[in-house]
Amino acid sequence: MSSDPLTDVLSSVRLSGAVFFAVEGTPPWVAEAPTASTIAAGVMPEADHVIEFHAVTRGHCLAGIVGEEPVRLESGDVICFPHGDAHVMSSARGLRAPPSDLSLYQRRAGCRLPFAVKLGEGPAEAHLVCGFLGCDARPFNPLLASLPRVLRASDRDRARGGWLSRFVEVAESEAQSSRPGGEGVLARLAELMFVEIVRRHLESLPSDRTGWLAGLRDPHVGKALAALHGRPAAAWTIEALGREVGLSRSALAERFTALVGEPPFQYLGRWRMQIAAGLLASSHEGIAAIGAHVGYASEAAFSRAFKKLVGVPPATWRRRRVARQDDRSEVPPASAAGLEESTVGAAG
């Protein structure tokens, strides 16, 4: 593992992106997205958790969680809903849409992403690309737990500008073209945009904020997290970790717990199980070998620790994970014909 905890977590939780819709809206227009859990099996069947995002490529709109005050988005802005809340995108406040046709959120055989969606009649005044980011939520995703319900980013907020708007421009170009590999390019762009939004959120956290991201920013706790991620299988002691970051054992334990929400070695234990879960799902290594990879001297010790933290033995986790992936891969896609009949009036 690397000594960059954010990169480690993004890699371990299998972050993956997909741009699903290219939207054009003519006022008055409105689109209401259901909770991500409702549509996850259709849009990203391989993902444990789905994050919805929208990037405004031209024009402007309003966006917000259902029942809460929306925010105004301008060209180049991106908004994400990390915890999958139902939300509304619209040309004006107070607009609501009927329940979404869930067949819209199905990958269709023979259709290339993104799907074109026209809302309203006449020349479009708002253009968006909308999609999803998939990741693992279990057994341990410290980043997801530390994110707010809404993440919004804009280059207009940065005194010296930024490159988020350029990503949005490229996303619009790729969404409108039919070049080979475009779907893959859009998927990678979605992932890069999300990482940039998270980094900006990290930079903007108030000094009194707690949580995993706040721990990353703290000079001592950040070093401790980097050390644990860099050498997760090491036989760490609180004294050794304290020497690594320049704090006494008691000061480190207190500071780490106050910011991250749990003691260093409880965190390390859960992070080890996340690494192990990834290996169980993606490799054919034996249980003992995976246990050794995350610092356990015997298969029995690893199995006990895994069951205590995850709830089931590692072999059971592997069987269930493989079975779930097989089940989701067998979900039949909706017909391509159904797309043209149902896209008008729905987006994101």
Protein backbone atom coordinates (compact mmCIF):
# COMPACT_ATOMS: atom_id res chain seq x y z
CA MET A 1 0.00 0.00 0.00
CA SER A 2 1.10 3.61 -0.50
CA SER A 3 1.55 6.23 2.19
CA ASP A 4 -1.23 8.38 0.69
CA PRO A 5 -4.35 7.33 2.61
CA LEU A 6 -6.79 9.06 0.25
CA THR A 7 -5.34 7.27 -2.77
CA ASP A 8 -5.32 4.00 -0.82
CA VAL A 9 -8.97 4.28 0.13
CA LEU A 10 -10.11 5.30 -3.36
CA SER A 11 -8.26 2.29 -4.79
CA SER A 12 -9.38 -0.15 -2.10
CA VAL A 13 -13.07 0.74 -2.32
CA ARG A 14 -12.95 0.23 -6.12
CA LEU A 15 -14.06 3.68 -7.21
CA SER A 16 -15.53 3.53 -10.71
CA GLY A 17 -17.42 6.05 -12.79
CA ALA A 18 -20.03 6.16 -15.54
CA VAL A 19 -21.66 9.08 -17.35
CA PHE A 20 -25.23 7.96 -17.99
CA PHE A 21 -27.15 10.96 -19.34
CA ALA A 22 -26.46 13.95 -21.56
CA VAL A 23 -29.28 16.33 -20.66
CA GLU A 24 -30.71 19.37 -22.42
CA GLY A 25 -33.32 21.43 -20.57
CA THR A 26 -35.70 24.13 -21.79
CA PRO A 27 -37.54 26.08 -19.05
CA PRO A 28 -39.62 25.18 -17.26
CA TRP A 29 -37.95 21.82 -16.75
CA VAL A 30 -37.47 19.51 -13.78
CA ALA A 31 -35.95 16.10 -13.15
CA GLU A 32 -36.20 14.20 -9.89
CA ALA A 33 -33.67 11.47 -9.15
CA PRO A 34 -34.66 8.64 -6.78
CA THR A 35 -32.41 7.40 -4.00
CA ALA A 36 -29.26 5.79 -5.32
CA SER A 37 -30.05 2.49 -3.59
CA THR A 38 -33.21 2.25 -5.71
CA ILE A 39 -31.34 2.34 -9.00
CA ALA A 40 -27.89 0.96 -8.09
CA ALA A 41 -28.50 -2.52 -9.50
CA GLY A 42 -29.43 -1.03 -12.86
CA VAL A 43 -26.76 1.61 -13.32
CA MET A 44 -23.75 -0.03 -11.64
CA PRO A 45 -24.62 -3.63 -10.72
CA GLU A 46 -21.08 -4.37 -9.62
CA ALA A 47 -21.02 -1.55 -7.03
CA ASP A 48 -21.85 -1.81 -3.34
CA HIS A 49 -22.74 1.89 -3.10
CA VAL A 50 -23.61 4.48 -5.75
CA ILE A 51 -22.96 8.24 -5.71
CA GLU A 52 -24.90 10.44 -8.13
CA PHE A 53 -23.32 13.48 -9.78
CA HIS A 54 -24.28 16.22 -12.24
CA ALA A 55 -21.99 18.59 -14.16
CA VAL A 56 -23.38 21.72 -15.79
CA THR A 57 -21.67 22.13 -19.15
CA ARG A 58 -23.67 25.17 -20.34
CA GLY A 59 -26.30 27.44 -18.82
CA HIS A 60 -27.47 27.16 -15.23
CA CYS A 61 -29.95 25.30 -13.01
CA LEU A 62 -30.93 24.59 -9.41
CA ALA A 63 -30.09 21.39 -7.56
CA GLY A 64 -30.81 20.07 -4.10
CA ILE A 65 -31.97 17.22 -1.90
CA VAL A 66 -35.73 16.74 -1.94
CA GLY A 67 -37.33 18.94 0.70
CA GLU A 68 -34.23 21.10 1.24
CA GLU A 69 -33.12 24.45 -0.17
CA PRO A 70 -31.45 24.02 -3.58
CA VAL A 71 -28.21 25.63 -4.72
CA ARG A 72 -27.67 27.44 -8.02
CA LEU A 73 -25.26 25.80 -10.43
CA GLU A 74 -23.55 27.61 -13.31
CA SER A 75 -21.60 26.37 -16.29
CA GLY A 76 -18.58 24.38 -15.07
CA ASP A 77 -20.09 23.51 -11.68
CA VAL A 78 -20.34 19.92 -10.43
CA ILE A 79 -22.57 18.61 -7.66
CA CYS A 80 -22.45 15.17 -6.00
CA PHE A 81 -24.77 13.39 -3.58
CA PRO A 82 -22.37 11.01 -1.77
CA HIS A 83 -25.00 9.26 0.35
CA GLY A 84 -27.49 8.71 -2.44
CA ASP A 85 -30.23 11.12 -1.36
CA ALA A 86 -33.17 11.66 -3.69
CA HIS A 87 -32.74 15.07 -5.29
CA VAL A 88 -34.21 17.55 -7.75
CA MET A 89 -32.60 19.32 -10.71
CA SER A 90 -34.71 22.13 -12.17
CA SER A 91 -34.85 25.45 -13.95
CA ALA A 92 -36.65 27.18 -11.02
CA ARG A 93 -37.52 26.71 -7.36
CA GLY A 94 -40.59 24.75 -6.37
CA LEU A 95 -40.75 22.47 -9.40
CA ARG A 96 -41.32 18.77 -8.76
CA ALA A 97 -41.47 15.80 -11.09
CA PRO A 98 -43.58 12.62 -11.02
CA PRO A 99 -41.89 9.42 -9.83
CA SER A 100 -39.09 8.35 -12.14
CA ASP A 101 -39.49 5.49 -14.55
CA LEU A 102 -36.88 3.12 -13.12
CA SER A 103 -36.36 1.52 -16.53
CA LEU A 104 -34.42 4.68 -17.42
CA TYR A 105 -31.70 3.52 -15.06
CA GLN A 106 -30.83 0.33 -16.90
CA ARG A 107 -27.91 -0.25 -19.21
CA ARG A 108 -29.42 -1.15 -22.55
CA ALA A 109 -28.07 -3.72 -24.97
CA GLY A 110 -26.72 -2.06 -28.09
CA CYS A 111 -26.86 1.49 -26.68
CA ARG A 112 -23.74 3.50 -25.97
CA LEU A 113 -23.58 5.75 -22.93
CA PRO A 114 -24.49 8.52 -22.32
CA PHE A 115 -28.20 8.46 -23.19
CA ALA A 116 -29.52 11.71 -24.67
CA VAL A 117 -32.35 13.29 -22.67
CA LYS A 118 -34.42 16.30 -23.75
CA LEU A 119 -36.49 18.09 -21.10
CA GLY A 120 -39.02 20.63 -22.34
CA GLU A 121 -39.57 21.95 -25.84
CA GLY A 122 -37.61 24.50 -27.82
CA PRO A 123 -33.96 25.60 -27.67
CA ALA A 124 -32.14 24.25 -24.63
CA GLU A 125 -30.89 26.72 -22.02
CA ALA A 126 -29.19 24.21 -19.75
CA HIS A 127 -26.87 21.35 -20.69
CA LEU A 128 -25.68 18.76 -18.19
CA VAL A 129 -23.83 15.47 -18.06
CA CYS A 130 -25.12 13.24 -15.27
CA GLY A 131 -23.80 9.97 -13.99
CA PHE A 132 -22.73 7.73 -11.18
CA LEU A 133 -19.72 6.72 -9.15
CA GLY A 134 -19.65 3.26 -7.65
CA CYS A 135 -17.64 2.12 -4.64
CA ASP A 136 -17.60 -0.35 -1.78
CA ALA A 137 -19.23 0.77 1.46
CA ARG A 138 -18.31 -2.35 3.42
CA PRO A 139 -16.48 -3.54 5.33
CA PHE A 140 -14.78 -0.14 5.81
CA ASN A 141 -14.93 3.04 3.77
CA PRO A 142 -13.70 5.90 5.97
CA LEU A 143 -13.97 8.44 3.14
CA LEU A 144 -17.65 7.84 2.46
CA ALA A 145 -18.52 8.12 6.14
CA SER A 146 -16.78 11.51 6.36
CA LEU A 147 -18.45 13.14 3.35
CA PRO A 148 -21.47 15.46 3.65
CA ARG A 149 -24.78 14.76 1.93
CA VAL A 150 -24.00 17.29 -0.79
CA LEU A 151 -20.64 18.14 -2.38
CA ARG A 152 -20.44 21.07 -4.77
CA ALA A 153 -17.39 22.44 -6.58
CA SER A 154 -16.77 25.31 -8.93
CA ASP A 155 -13.73 26.96 -10.42
CA ARG A 156 -15.45 30.29 -9.82
CA ASP A 157 -14.73 29.83 -6.11
CA ARG A 158 -10.97 29.70 -6.68
CA ALA A 159 -8.98 32.92 -6.83
CA ARG A 160 -6.52 31.53 -9.37
CA GLY A 161 -8.99 29.40 -11.27
CA GLY A 162 -8.69 25.64 -11.67
CA TRP A 163 -9.00 22.75 -14.05
CA LEU A 164 -12.36 21.34 -12.95
CA SER A 165 -14.14 23.41 -15.61
CA ARG A 166 -11.80 22.01 -18.26
CA PHE A 167 -12.79 18.49 -17.22
CA VAL A 168 -16.42 19.51 -17.64
CA GLU A 169 -15.67 20.88 -21.12
CA VAL A 170 -13.99 17.63 -22.14
CA ALA A 171 -16.88 15.64 -20.68
CA GLU A 172 -19.36 17.60 -22.79
CA SER A 173 -17.26 17.09 -25.91
CA GLU A 174 -16.98 13.36 -25.34
CA ALA A 175 -20.69 13.05 -24.51
CA GLN A 176 -21.61 14.67 -27.82
CA SER A 177 -19.17 12.71 -29.96
CA SER A 178 -19.26 9.12 -31.08
CA ARG A 179 -15.52 8.50 -31.01
CA PRO A 180 -14.35 4.99 -30.10
CA GLY A 181 -13.53 4.70 -26.41
CA GLY A 182 -15.68 7.67 -25.45
CA GLU A 183 -17.60 5.80 -22.77
CA GLY A 184 -14.35 4.78 -21.10
CA VAL A 185 -12.99 8.33 -21.29
CA LEU A 186 -16.14 9.66 -19.63
CA ALA A 187 -15.90 7.04 -16.89
CA ARG A 188 -12.32 8.06 -16.07
CA LEU A 189 -13.26 11.76 -16.20
CA ALA A 190 -16.04 11.13 -13.68
CA GLU A 191 -13.57 9.49 -11.31
CA LEU A 192 -11.03 12.30 -11.69
CA MET A 193 -13.69 14.95 -11.14
CA PHE A 194 -14.80 13.23 -7.95
CA VAL A 195 -11.25 13.03 -6.60
CA GLU A 196 -10.76 16.74 -7.32
CA ILE A 197 -14.04 17.62 -5.59
CA VAL A 198 -13.02 15.60 -2.52
CA ARG A 199 -9.62 17.32 -2.44
CA ARG A 200 -11.27 20.73 -2.57
CA HIS A 201 -13.64 19.71 0.20
CA LEU A 202 -10.65 18.62 2.28
CA GLU A 203 -8.92 21.97 1.70
CA SER A 204 -12.02 23.91 2.73
CA LEU A 205 -12.81 22.07 5.98
CA PRO A 206 -13.15 24.38 8.99
CA SER A 207 -10.40 24.03 11.58
CA ASP A 208 -12.82 22.67 14.17
CA ARG A 209 -14.20 19.89 11.94
CA THR A 210 -13.66 16.26 12.92
CA GLY A 211 -13.73 13.06 10.87
CA TRP A 212 -11.39 11.03 8.71
CA LEU A 213 -10.73 13.85 6.25
CA ALA A 214 -10.00 16.25 9.10
CA GLY A 215 -7.54 13.68 10.41
CA LEU A 216 -5.76 13.61 7.05
CA ARG A 217 -5.24 17.36 7.24
CA ASP A 218 -3.87 17.34 10.79
CA PRO A 219 -0.03 17.32 10.75
CA HIS A 220 0.31 14.57 13.36
CA VAL A 221 -2.75 12.43 12.74
CA GLY A 222 -2.17 12.72 8.99
CA LYS A 223 1.33 11.30 9.47
CA ALA A 224 -0.07 8.49 11.61
CA LEU A 225 -2.65 7.60 8.96
CA ALA A 226 0.04 7.67 6.27
CA ALA A 227 2.24 5.35 8.34
CA LEU A 228 -0.57 2.87 8.99
CA HIS A 229 -1.56 2.86 5.32
CA GLY A 230 2.02 2.60 4.15
CA ARG A 231 2.74 -0.44 6.34
CA PRO A 232 -0.60 -1.99 7.35
CA ALA A 233 0.90 -5.40 8.09
CA ALA A 234 3.62 -4.08 10.40
CA ALA A 235 3.59 -5.03 14.08
CA TRP A 236 2.70 -1.51 15.17
CA THR A 237 2.71 -0.37 18.78
CA ILE A 238 1.40 2.95 20.02
CA GLU A 239 4.94 3.86 21.08
CA ALA A 240 6.32 3.16 17.59
CA LEU A 241 3.53 5.09 15.93
CA GLY A 242 4.08 7.99 18.33
CA ARG A 243 7.78 8.11 17.47
CA GLU A 244 6.85 8.07 13.78
CA VAL A 245 4.76 11.23 14.12
CA GLY A 246 6.57 13.02 16.94
CA LEU A 247 3.98 12.69 19.73
CA SER A 248 3.81 10.81 23.00
CA ARG A 249 1.65 7.70 23.03
CA SER A 250 -1.06 9.38 25.12
CA ALA A 251 -1.09 12.58 23.05
CA LEU A 252 -1.30 10.61 19.79
CA ALA A 253 -4.08 8.34 21.05
CA GLU A 254 -6.09 11.31 22.29
CA ARG A 255 -5.60 13.42 19.15
CA PHE A 256 -6.24 10.53 16.75
CA THR A 257 -9.42 9.47 18.53
CA ALA A 258 -10.75 13.01 18.77
CA LEU A 259 -10.33 13.62 15.03
CA VAL A 260 -10.90 10.23 13.40
CA GLY A 261 -13.48 8.99 15.90
CA GLU A 262 -11.68 5.82 17.01
CA PRO A 263 -8.27 4.84 18.44
CA PRO A 264 -5.38 4.19 16.02
CA PHE A 265 -5.40 0.42 16.33
CA GLN A 266 -9.14 0.07 16.03
CA TYR A 267 -8.79 2.05 12.80
CA LEU A 268 -5.88 -0.14 11.68
CA GLY A 269 -7.86 -3.29 12.35
CA ARG A 270 -10.77 -2.09 10.22
CA TRP A 271 -8.46 -0.91 7.46
CA ARG A 272 -6.75 -4.32 7.41
CA MET A 273 -10.15 -5.95 6.97
CA GLN A 274 -10.94 -3.63 4.03
CA ILE A 275 -7.69 -4.66 2.34
CA ALA A 276 -8.44 -8.30 3.05
CA ALA A 277 -11.99 -8.04 1.74
CA GLY A 278 -10.67 -6.63 -1.51
CA LEU A 279 -8.22 -9.51 -1.88
CA LEU A 280 -10.94 -12.05 -1.07
CA ALA A 281 -13.14 -10.62 -3.80
CA SER A 282 -10.51 -10.08 -6.48
CA SER A 283 -7.97 -12.86 -6.06
CA HIS A 284 -7.74 -16.62 -5.66
CA GLU A 285 -5.24 -16.41 -2.82
CA GLY A 286 -5.87 -18.68 0.14
CA ILE A 287 -7.28 -17.36 3.41
CA ALA A 288 -3.97 -17.83 5.23
CA ALA A 289 -2.03 -15.93 2.55
CA ILE A 290 -4.46 -13.03 2.65
CA GLY A 291 -4.27 -12.97 6.46
CA ALA A 292 -0.47 -12.83 6.29
CA HIS A 293 -0.70 -9.99 3.78
CA VAL A 294 -2.52 -7.84 6.36
CA GLY A 295 -0.40 -8.80 9.35
CA TYR A 296 -1.84 -12.00 10.87
CA ALA A 297 0.49 -14.87 11.73
CA SER A 298 -2.11 -17.61 11.34
CA GLU A 299 -5.27 -18.30 9.38
CA ALA A 300 -7.18 -18.85 12.62
CA ALA A 301 -6.18 -15.46 14.05
CA PHE A 302 -7.12 -13.71 10.82
CA SER A 303 -10.45 -15.51 10.57
CA ARG A 304 -11.36 -14.59 14.14
CA ALA A 305 -10.48 -10.94 13.59
CA PHE A 306 -12.32 -10.80 10.26
CA LYS A 307 -15.49 -12.34 11.69
CA LYS A 308 -15.40 -10.02 14.72
CA LEU A 309 -15.21 -6.88 12.57
CA VAL A 310 -17.14 -7.93 9.46
CA GLY A 311 -19.67 -10.33 10.95
CA VAL A 312 -18.88 -13.44 8.93
CA PRO A 313 -15.75 -15.55 8.37
CA PRO A 314 -13.58 -14.62 5.37
CA ALA A 315 -14.57 -17.72 3.39
CA THR A 316 -18.25 -16.84 3.78
CA TRP A 317 -17.59 -13.24 2.74
CA ARG A 318 -15.84 -14.47 -0.39
CA ARG A 319 -18.66 -16.86 -1.34
CA ARG A 320 -21.35 -14.21 -0.80
CA ARG A 321 -19.41 -11.59 -2.72
CA VAL A 322 -18.86 -13.84 -5.71
CA ALA A 323 -22.50 -14.97 -5.65
CA ARG A 324 -23.73 -11.38 -5.53
CA GLN A 325 -21.55 -10.37 -8.45
CA ASP A 326 -22.79 -13.37 -10.46
CA ASP A 327 -26.44 -12.54 -9.67
CA ARG A 328 -26.05 -8.91 -10.72
CA SER A 329 -24.28 -9.80 -13.94
CA GLU A 330 -27.29 -11.90 -14.93
CA VAL A 331 -29.82 -9.04 -14.64
CA PRO A 332 -31.30 -8.74 -18.17
CA PRO A 333 -30.81 -5.31 -19.78
CA ALA A 334 -33.83 -3.26 -20.82
CA SER A 335 -34.55 -3.03 -24.51
CA ALA A 336 -33.02 -0.23 -26.53
CA ALA A 337 -36.45 0.62 -27.94
CA GLY A 338 -37.75 1.50 -24.49
CA LEU A 339 -35.21 4.29 -24.20
CA GLU A 340 -36.65 6.52 -26.89
CA GLU A 341 -40.14 6.10 -25.49
CA SER A 342 -39.31 7.09 -21.94
CA THR A 343 -36.47 9.60 -21.78
CA VAL A 344 -38.47 12.80 -22.29
CA GLY A 345 -39.14 14.37 -18.90
CA ALA A 346 -36.52 12.44 -16.93
CA ALA A 347 -32.87 12.92 -16.17
CA GLY A 348 -30.16 12.05 -13.68
